[in-house]
PDB file of all heavy atoms in Angstrom:
ATOM      1  N   ALA A   1       5.403  28.664  -3.265  1.00  0.00           N
ATOM      2  CA  ALA A   1       5.792  29.500  -4.411  1.00  0.00           C
ATOM      3  C   ALA A   1       5.384  30.890  -4.087  1.00  0.00           C
ATOM      4  O   ALA A   1       4.383  31.116  -3.472  1.00  0.00           O
ATOM      5  CB  ALA A   1       5.234  29.009  -5.732  1.00  0.00           C
ATOM      6  N   GLY A   2       6.189  31.870  -4.586  1.00  0.00           N
ATOM      7  CA  GLY A   2       5.837  33.247  -4.353  1.00  0.00           C
ATOM      8  C   GLY A   2       7.054  34.144  -3.917  1.00  0.00           C
ATOM      9  O   GLY A   2       8.221  33.705  -4.147  1.00  0.00           O
ATOM     10  N   THR A   3       6.694  35.258  -3.354  1.00  0.00           N
ATOM     11  CA  THR A   3       7.714  36.242  -2.914  1.00  0.00           C
ATOM     12  C   THR A   3       7.424  36.578  -1.478  1.00  0.00           C
ATOM     13  O   THR A   3       6.400  36.224  -0.954  1.00  0.00           O
ATOM     14  CB  THR A   3       7.579  37.503  -3.796  1.00  0.00           C
ATOM     15  OG1 THR A   3       6.313  38.106  -3.564  1.00  0.00           O
ATOM     16  CG2 THR A   3       7.732  37.224  -5.248  1.00  0.00           C
ATOM     17  N   PRO A   4       8.368  37.310  -0.853  1.00  0.00           N
ATOM     18  CA  PRO A   4       8.094  37.724   0.542  1.00  0.00           C
ATOM     19  C   PRO A   4       6.841  38.535   0.694  1.00  0.00           C
ATOM     20  O   PRO A   4       6.156  38.475   1.735  1.00  0.00           O
ATOM     21  CB  PRO A   4       9.399  38.524   0.931  1.00  0.00           C
ATOM     22  CG  PRO A   4      10.440  37.918   0.073  1.00  0.00           C
ATOM     23  CD  PRO A   4       9.753  37.571  -1.231  1.00  0.00           C
ATOM     24  N   GLY A   5       6.449  39.240  -0.339  1.00  0.00           N
ATOM     25  CA  GLY A   5       5.264  40.030  -0.254  1.00  0.00           C
ATOM     26  C   GLY A   5       3.970  39.239  -0.536  1.00  0.00           C
ATOM     27  O   GLY A   5       2.892  39.700  -0.157  1.00  0.00           O
ATOM     28  N   ARG A   6       4.091  38.085  -1.232  1.00  0.00           N
ATOM     29  CA  ARG A   6       2.939  37.343  -1.600  1.00  0.00           C
ATOM     30  C   ARG A   6       3.318  35.903  -1.908  1.00  0.00           C
ATOM     31  O   ARG A   6       4.006  35.637  -2.903  1.00  0.00           O
ATOM     32  CB  ARG A   6       2.344  37.981  -2.911  1.00  0.00           C
ATOM     33  CG  ARG A   6       0.960  37.630  -3.194  1.00  0.00           C
ATOM     34  CD  ARG A   6       0.343  38.620  -4.153  1.00  0.00           C
ATOM     35  NE  ARG A   6      -0.900  38.129  -4.630  1.00  0.00           N
ATOM     36  CZ  ARG A   6      -1.174  37.684  -5.875  1.00  0.00           C
ATOM     37  NH1 ARG A   6      -0.209  37.748  -6.786  1.00  0.00           N
ATOM     38  NH2 ARG A   6      -2.340  37.201  -6.130  1.00  0.00           N
ATOM     39  N   CYS A   7       2.941  35.009  -1.040  1.00  0.00           N
ATOM     40  CA  CYS A   7       3.337  33.573  -1.161  1.00  0.00           C
ATOM     41  C   CYS A   7       2.190  32.709  -0.903  1.00  0.00           C
ATOM     42  O   CYS A   7       1.209  33.081  -0.160  1.00  0.00           O
ATOM     43  CB  CYS A   7       4.424  33.332  -0.115  1.00  0.00           C
ATOM     44  SG  CYS A   7       5.163  31.714  -0.185  1.00  0.00           S
ATOM     45  N   ASN A   8       2.118  31.520  -1.465  1.00  0.00           N
ATOM     46  CA  ASN A   8       1.121  30.535  -1.231  1.00  0.00           C
ATOM     47  C   ASN A   8       1.695  29.126  -1.138  1.00  0.00           C
ATOM     48  O   ASN A   8       2.747  28.867  -1.722  1.00  0.00           O
ATOM     49  CB  ASN A   8       0.037  30.615  -2.358  1.00  0.00           C
ATOM     50  CG  ASN A   8      -1.225  29.863  -2.000  1.00  0.00           C
ATOM     51  OD1 ASN A   8      -1.801  30.112  -0.956  1.00  0.00           O
ATOM     52  ND2 ASN A   8      -1.659  28.970  -2.842  1.00  0.00           N
ATOM     53  N   VAL A   9       0.961  28.283  -0.533  1.00  0.00           N
ATOM     54  CA  VAL A   9       1.331  26.886  -0.415  1.00  0.00           C
ATOM     55  C   VAL A   9       0.122  26.018  -0.880  1.00  0.00           C
ATOM     56  O   VAL A   9      -1.020  26.456  -0.701  1.00  0.00           O
ATOM     57  CB  VAL A   9       1.846  26.422   0.964  1.00  0.00           C
ATOM     58  CG1 VAL A   9       3.077  27.155   1.389  1.00  0.00           C
ATOM     59  CG2 VAL A   9       0.740  26.666   1.998  1.00  0.00           C
ATOM     60  N   MET A  10       0.387  24.788  -1.369  1.00  0.00           N
ATOM     61  CA  MET A  10      -0.598  23.884  -1.664  1.00  0.00           C
ATOM     62  C   MET A  10      -0.105  22.455  -1.459  1.00  0.00           C
ATOM     63  O   MET A  10       1.124  22.250  -1.565  1.00  0.00           O
ATOM     64  CB  MET A  10      -1.185  24.021  -3.105  1.00  0.00           C
ATOM     65  CG  MET A  10      -0.181  23.690  -4.162  1.00  0.00           C
ATOM     66  SD  MET A  10      -0.827  23.795  -5.829  1.00  0.00           S
ATOM     67  CE  MET A  10      -1.452  22.143  -6.080  1.00  0.00           C
ATOM     68  N   THR A  11      -1.033  21.584  -1.072  1.00  0.00           N
ATOM     69  CA  THR A  11      -0.667  20.176  -0.900  1.00  0.00           C
ATOM     70  C   THR A  11      -0.446  19.553  -2.327  1.00  0.00           C
ATOM     71  O   THR A  11      -1.255  19.779  -3.182  1.00  0.00           O
ATOM     72  CB  THR A  11      -1.703  19.406  -0.101  1.00  0.00           C
ATOM     73  OG1 THR A  11      -1.914  20.083   1.165  1.00  0.00           O
ATOM     74  CG2 THR A  11      -1.362  17.971   0.148  1.00  0.00           C
ATOM     75  N   ILE A  12       0.581  18.718  -2.432  1.00  0.00           N
ATOM     76  CA  ILE A  12       0.849  18.020  -3.739  1.00  0.00           C
ATOM     77  C   ILE A  12       0.988  16.561  -3.473  1.00  0.00           C
ATOM     78  O   ILE A  12       1.587  16.126  -2.480  1.00  0.00           O
ATOM     79  CB  ILE A  12       1.993  18.633  -4.478  1.00  0.00           C
ATOM     80  CG1 ILE A  12       3.301  18.611  -3.681  1.00  0.00           C
ATOM     81  CG2 ILE A  12       1.709  20.055  -4.983  1.00  0.00           C
ATOM     82  CD1 ILE A  12       4.575  18.957  -4.415  1.00  0.00           C
ATOM     83  N   GLY A  13       0.406  15.768  -4.388  1.00  0.00           N
ATOM     84  CA  GLY A  13       0.533  14.306  -4.304  1.00  0.00           C
ATOM     85  C   GLY A  13       1.305  13.740  -5.494  1.00  0.00           C
ATOM     86  O   GLY A  13       1.632  12.612  -5.494  1.00  0.00           O
ATOM     87  N   TRP A  14       1.512  14.556  -6.472  1.00  0.00           N
ATOM     88  CA  TRP A  14       2.247  14.130  -7.641  1.00  0.00           C
ATOM     89  C   TRP A  14       3.562  14.807  -7.732  1.00  0.00           C
ATOM     90  O   TRP A  14       3.670  15.993  -7.576  1.00  0.00           O
ATOM     91  CB  TRP A  14       1.436  14.460  -8.924  1.00  0.00           C
ATOM     92  CG  TRP A  14       0.187  13.728  -9.174  1.00  0.00           C
ATOM     93  CD1 TRP A  14      -0.464  12.846  -8.282  1.00  0.00           C
ATOM     94  CD2 TRP A  14      -0.642  13.826 -10.338  1.00  0.00           C
ATOM     95  NE1 TRP A  14      -1.649  12.451  -8.852  1.00  0.00           N
ATOM     96  CE2 TRP A  14      -1.779  13.026 -10.096  1.00  0.00           C
ATOM     97  CE3 TRP A  14      -0.516  14.495 -11.488  1.00  0.00           C
ATOM     98  CZ2 TRP A  14      -2.784  12.875 -11.075  1.00  0.00           C
ATOM     99  CZ3 TRP A  14      -1.526  14.431 -12.434  1.00  0.00           C
ATOM    100  CH2 TRP A  14      -2.622  13.539 -12.228  1.00  0.00           C
ATOM    101  N   GLY A  15       4.605  13.988  -8.027  1.00  0.00           N
ATOM    102  CA  GLY A  15       5.911  14.597  -8.184  1.00  0.00           C
ATOM    103  C   GLY A  15       6.869  13.568  -8.567  1.00  0.00           C
ATOM    104  O   GLY A  15       6.651  12.352  -8.455  1.00  0.00           O
ATOM    105  N   GLN A  16       8.068  14.005  -9.031  1.00  0.00           N
ATOM    106  CA  GLN A  16       9.113  13.095  -9.475  1.00  0.00           C
ATOM    107  C   GLN A  16      10.437  13.672  -9.002  1.00  0.00           C
ATOM    108  O   GLN A  16      10.610  14.887  -9.035  1.00  0.00           O
ATOM    109  CB  GLN A  16       9.055  12.887 -10.973  1.00  0.00           C
ATOM    110  CG  GLN A  16       7.853  12.248 -11.461  1.00  0.00           C
ATOM    111  CD  GLN A  16       7.741  12.226 -12.988  1.00  0.00           C
ATOM    112  OE1 GLN A  16       7.920  13.251 -13.616  1.00  0.00           O
ATOM    113  NE2 GLN A  16       7.486  11.085 -13.570  1.00  0.00           N
ATOM    114  N   LEU A  17      11.338  12.822  -8.754  1.00  0.00           N
ATOM    115  CA  LEU A  17      12.724  13.189  -8.447  1.00  0.00           C
ATOM    116  C   LEU A  17      13.677  12.367  -9.314  1.00  0.00           C
ATOM    117  O   LEU A  17      13.393  11.215  -9.619  1.00  0.00           O
ATOM    118  CB  LEU A  17      13.064  12.883  -6.982  1.00  0.00           C
ATOM    119  CG  LEU A  17      12.211  13.653  -5.963  1.00  0.00           C
ATOM    120  CD1 LEU A  17      12.433  13.009  -4.568  1.00  0.00           C
ATOM    121  CD2 LEU A  17      12.635  15.119  -5.940  1.00  0.00           C
ATOM    122  N   GLY A  18      14.693  13.044  -9.822  1.00  0.00           N
ATOM    123  CA  GLY A  18      15.662  12.282 -10.642  1.00  0.00           C
ATOM    124  C   GLY A  18      16.747  13.187 -11.194  1.00  0.00           C
ATOM    125  O   GLY A  18      17.145  14.180 -10.499  1.00  0.00           O
ATOM    126  N   THR A  19      17.262  12.865 -12.325  1.00  0.00           N
ATOM    127  CA  THR A  19      18.358  13.651 -12.955  1.00  0.00           C
ATOM    128  C   THR A  19      17.970  13.985 -14.371  1.00  0.00           C
ATOM    129  O   THR A  19      17.413  13.175 -15.080  1.00  0.00           O
ATOM    130  CB  THR A  19      19.610  12.776 -13.009  1.00  0.00           C
ATOM    131  OG1 THR A  19      19.937  12.275 -11.677  1.00  0.00           O
ATOM    132  CG2 THR A  19      20.864  13.482 -13.586  1.00  0.00           C
ATOM    133  N   LEU A  20      18.195  15.236 -14.720  1.00  0.00           N
ATOM    134  CA  LEU A  20      17.933  15.728 -16.088  1.00  0.00           C
ATOM    135  C   LEU A  20      19.026  16.733 -16.379  1.00  0.00           C
ATOM    136  O   LEU A  20      19.348  17.600 -15.604  1.00  0.00           O
ATOM    137  CB  LEU A  20      16.564  16.450 -16.097  1.00  0.00           C
ATOM    138  CG  LEU A  20      16.121  17.015 -17.409  1.00  0.00           C
ATOM    139  CD1 LEU A  20      15.910  15.931 -18.507  1.00  0.00           C
ATOM    140  CD2 LEU A  20      14.837  17.838 -17.245  1.00  0.00           C
ATOM    141  N   TRP A  21      19.637  16.538 -17.532  1.00  0.00           N
ATOM    142  CA  TRP A  21      20.714  17.439 -18.033  1.00  0.00           C
ATOM    143  C   TRP A  21      21.863  17.405 -16.964  1.00  0.00           C
ATOM    144  O   TRP A  21      22.458  18.475 -16.612  1.00  0.00           O
ATOM    145  CB  TRP A  21      20.235  18.797 -18.327  1.00  0.00           C
ATOM    146  CG  TRP A  21      19.192  18.919 -19.408  1.00  0.00           C
ATOM    147  CD1 TRP A  21      19.249  18.247 -20.598  1.00  0.00           C
ATOM    148  CD2 TRP A  21      17.911  19.538 -19.391  1.00  0.00           C
ATOM    149  NE1 TRP A  21      18.141  18.485 -21.362  1.00  0.00           N
ATOM    150  CE2 TRP A  21      17.293  19.245 -20.575  1.00  0.00           C
ATOM    151  CE3 TRP A  21      17.325  20.309 -18.441  1.00  0.00           C
ATOM    152  CZ2 TRP A  21      16.044  19.742 -20.908  1.00  0.00           C
ATOM    153  CZ3 TRP A  21      16.056  20.789 -18.757  1.00  0.00           C
ATOM    154  CH2 TRP A  21      15.422  20.503 -19.974  1.00  0.00           C
ATOM    155  N   ASN A  22      22.092  16.244 -16.349  1.00  0.00           N
ATOM    156  CA  ASN A  22      23.123  16.055 -15.341  1.00  0.00           C
ATOM    157  C   ASN A  22      22.890  16.910 -14.106  1.00  0.00           C
ATOM    158  O   ASN A  22      23.827  17.237 -13.395  1.00  0.00           O
ATOM    159  CB  ASN A  22      24.541  16.294 -15.912  1.00  0.00           C
ATOM    160  CG  ASN A  22      24.915  15.271 -16.852  1.00  0.00           C
ATOM    161  OD1 ASN A  22      24.577  14.069 -16.690  1.00  0.00           O
ATOM    162  ND2 ASN A  22      25.636  15.597 -17.913  1.00  0.00           N
ATOM    163  N   LYS A  23      21.666  17.239 -13.781  1.00  0.00           N
ATOM    164  CA  LYS A  23      21.325  18.035 -12.622  1.00  0.00           C
ATOM    165  C   LYS A  23      20.289  17.273 -11.806  1.00  0.00           C
ATOM    166  O   LYS A  23      19.422  16.623 -12.375  1.00  0.00           O
ATOM    167  CB  LYS A  23      20.758  19.381 -13.012  1.00  0.00           C
ATOM    168  CG  LYS A  23      21.706  20.273 -13.747  1.00  0.00           C
ATOM    169  CD  LYS A  23      21.099  21.574 -14.085  1.00  0.00           C
ATOM    170  CE  LYS A  23      22.086  22.548 -14.774  1.00  0.00           C
ATOM    171  NZ  LYS A  23      23.277  22.857 -14.097  1.00  0.00           N
ATOM    172  N   PRO A  24      20.382  17.292 -10.510  1.00  0.00           N
ATOM    173  CA  PRO A  24      19.308  16.686  -9.654  1.00  0.00           C
ATOM    174  C   PRO A  24      18.039  17.594  -9.818  1.00  0.00           C
ATOM    175  O   PRO A  24      18.141  18.790  -9.743  1.00  0.00           O
ATOM    176  CB  PRO A  24      19.906  16.763  -8.229  1.00  0.00           C
ATOM    177  CG  PRO A  24      20.835  17.927  -8.295  1.00  0.00           C
ATOM    178  CD  PRO A  24      21.413  17.953  -9.684  1.00  0.00           C
ATOM    179  N   VAL A  25      16.925  16.943 -10.165  1.00  0.00           N
ATOM    180  CA  VAL A  25      15.746  17.692 -10.367  1.00  0.00           C
ATOM    181  C   VAL A  25      14.534  17.136  -9.600  1.00  0.00           C
ATOM    182  O   VAL A  25      14.475  15.972  -9.229  1.00  0.00           O
ATOM    183  CB  VAL A  25      15.388  17.731 -11.855  1.00  0.00           C
ATOM    184  CG1 VAL A  25      16.415  18.515 -12.678  1.00  0.00           C
ATOM    185  CG2 VAL A  25      15.135  16.319 -12.424  1.00  0.00           C
ATOM    186  N   CYS A  26      13.501  18.035  -9.472  1.00  0.00           N
ATOM    187  CA  CYS A  26      12.259  17.663  -8.890  1.00  0.00           C
ATOM    188  C   CYS A  26      11.187  18.243  -9.823  1.00  0.00           C
ATOM    189  O   CYS A  26      11.280  19.411 -10.269  1.00  0.00           O
ATOM    190  CB  CYS A  26      12.134  18.284  -7.499  1.00  0.00           C
ATOM    191  SG  CYS A  26      10.483  18.025  -6.743  1.00  0.00           S
ATOM    192  N   THR A  27      10.202  17.384 -10.210  1.00  0.00           N
ATOM    193  CA  THR A  27       9.083  17.868 -11.033  1.00  0.00           C
ATOM    194  C   THR A  27       7.791  17.773 -10.246  1.00  0.00           C
ATOM    195  O   THR A  27       7.552  16.820  -9.576  1.00  0.00           O
ATOM    196  CB  THR A  27       8.927  16.990 -12.298  1.00  0.00           C
ATOM    197  OG1 THR A  27      10.206  16.974 -13.032  1.00  0.00           O
ATOM    198  CG2 THR A  27       7.851  17.443 -13.150  1.00  0.00           C
ATOM    199  N   VAL A  28       7.078  18.878 -10.317  1.00  0.00           N
ATOM    200  CA  VAL A  28       5.807  18.993  -9.620  1.00  0.00           C
ATOM    201  C   VAL A  28       4.706  19.333 -10.660  1.00  0.00           C
ATOM    202  O   VAL A  28       5.067  19.846 -11.722  1.00  0.00           O
ATOM    203  CB  VAL A  28       5.758  19.974  -8.467  1.00  0.00           C
ATOM    204  CG1 VAL A  28       6.754  19.550  -7.354  1.00  0.00           C
ATOM    205  CG2 VAL A  28       6.108  21.382  -8.943  1.00  0.00           C
ATOM    206  N   TYR A  29       3.440  19.060 -10.288  1.00  0.00           N
ATOM    207  CA  TYR A  29       2.359  19.264 -11.309  1.00  0.00           C
ATOM    208  C   TYR A  29       1.316  20.103 -10.682  1.00  0.00           C
ATOM    209  O   TYR A  29       0.838  19.884  -9.529  1.00  0.00           O
ATOM    210  CB  TYR A  29       1.780  17.912 -11.677  1.00  0.00           C
ATOM    211  CG  TYR A  29       2.834  16.977 -12.283  1.00  0.00           C
ATOM    212  CD1 TYR A  29       3.639  16.175 -11.398  1.00  0.00           C
ATOM    213  CD2 TYR A  29       3.016  16.953 -13.619  1.00  0.00           C
ATOM    214  CE1 TYR A  29       4.581  15.391 -11.988  1.00  0.00           C
ATOM    215  CE2 TYR A  29       3.971  16.135 -14.181  1.00  0.00           C
ATOM    216  CZ  TYR A  29       4.742  15.366 -13.380  1.00  0.00           C
ATOM    217  OH  TYR A  29       5.714  14.572 -13.901  1.00  0.00           O
ATOM    218  N   VAL A  30       0.883  21.183 -11.382  1.00  0.00           N
ATOM    219  CA  VAL A  30      -0.081  22.112 -10.907  1.00  0.00           C
ATOM    220  C   VAL A  30      -1.116  22.415 -11.992  1.00  0.00           C
ATOM    221  O   VAL A  30      -0.774  22.746 -13.080  1.00  0.00           O
ATOM    222  CB  VAL A  30       0.620  23.457 -10.452  1.00  0.00           C
ATOM    223  CG1 VAL A  30      -0.406  24.442  -9.905  1.00  0.00           C
ATOM    224  CG2 VAL A  30       1.692  23.188  -9.425  1.00  0.00           C
ATOM    225  N   ARG A  31      -2.405  22.333 -11.572  1.00  0.00           N
ATOM    226  CA  ARG A  31      -3.509  22.672 -12.554  1.00  0.00           C
ATOM    227  C   ARG A  31      -3.533  24.205 -12.708  1.00  0.00           C
ATOM    228  O   ARG A  31      -3.365  24.894 -11.722  1.00  0.00           O
ATOM    229  CB  ARG A  31      -4.806  22.222 -12.056  1.00  0.00           C
ATOM    230  CG  ARG A  31      -5.059  20.750 -12.200  1.00  0.00           C
ATOM    231  CD  ARG A  31      -6.553  20.470 -11.724  1.00  0.00           C
ATOM    232  NE  ARG A  31      -6.775  19.080 -11.594  1.00  0.00           N
ATOM    233  CZ  ARG A  31      -7.430  18.336 -12.559  1.00  0.00           C
ATOM    234  NH1 ARG A  31      -7.802  18.887 -13.690  1.00  0.00           N
ATOM    235  NH2 ARG A  31      -7.652  17.068 -12.358  1.00  0.00           N
ATOM    236  N   PRO A  32      -3.865  24.672 -13.849  1.00  0.00           N
ATOM    237  CA  PRO A  32      -4.063  26.125 -14.080  1.00  0.00           C
ATOM    238  C   PRO A  32      -5.083  26.794 -13.190  1.00  0.00           C
ATOM    239  O   PRO A  32      -5.002  28.028 -12.916  1.00  0.00           O
ATOM    240  CB  PRO A  32      -4.400  26.280 -15.581  1.00  0.00           C
ATOM    241  CG  PRO A  32      -3.821  25.008 -16.181  1.00  0.00           C
ATOM    242  CD  PRO A  32      -3.936  23.952 -15.106  1.00  0.00           C
TER     243      PRO A  32
END
C-alpha cells in the first residue's frame, strides 16, 4: 500500500476472496 513516493509492505496471514455487490473482492485485515 502507498504511493510511488512512499510505499510499504507487510506479511498477511488473514484474508478472504469472494464476491460482494457482484464484484470479485479481496478482504485483508490490518491492525491500527
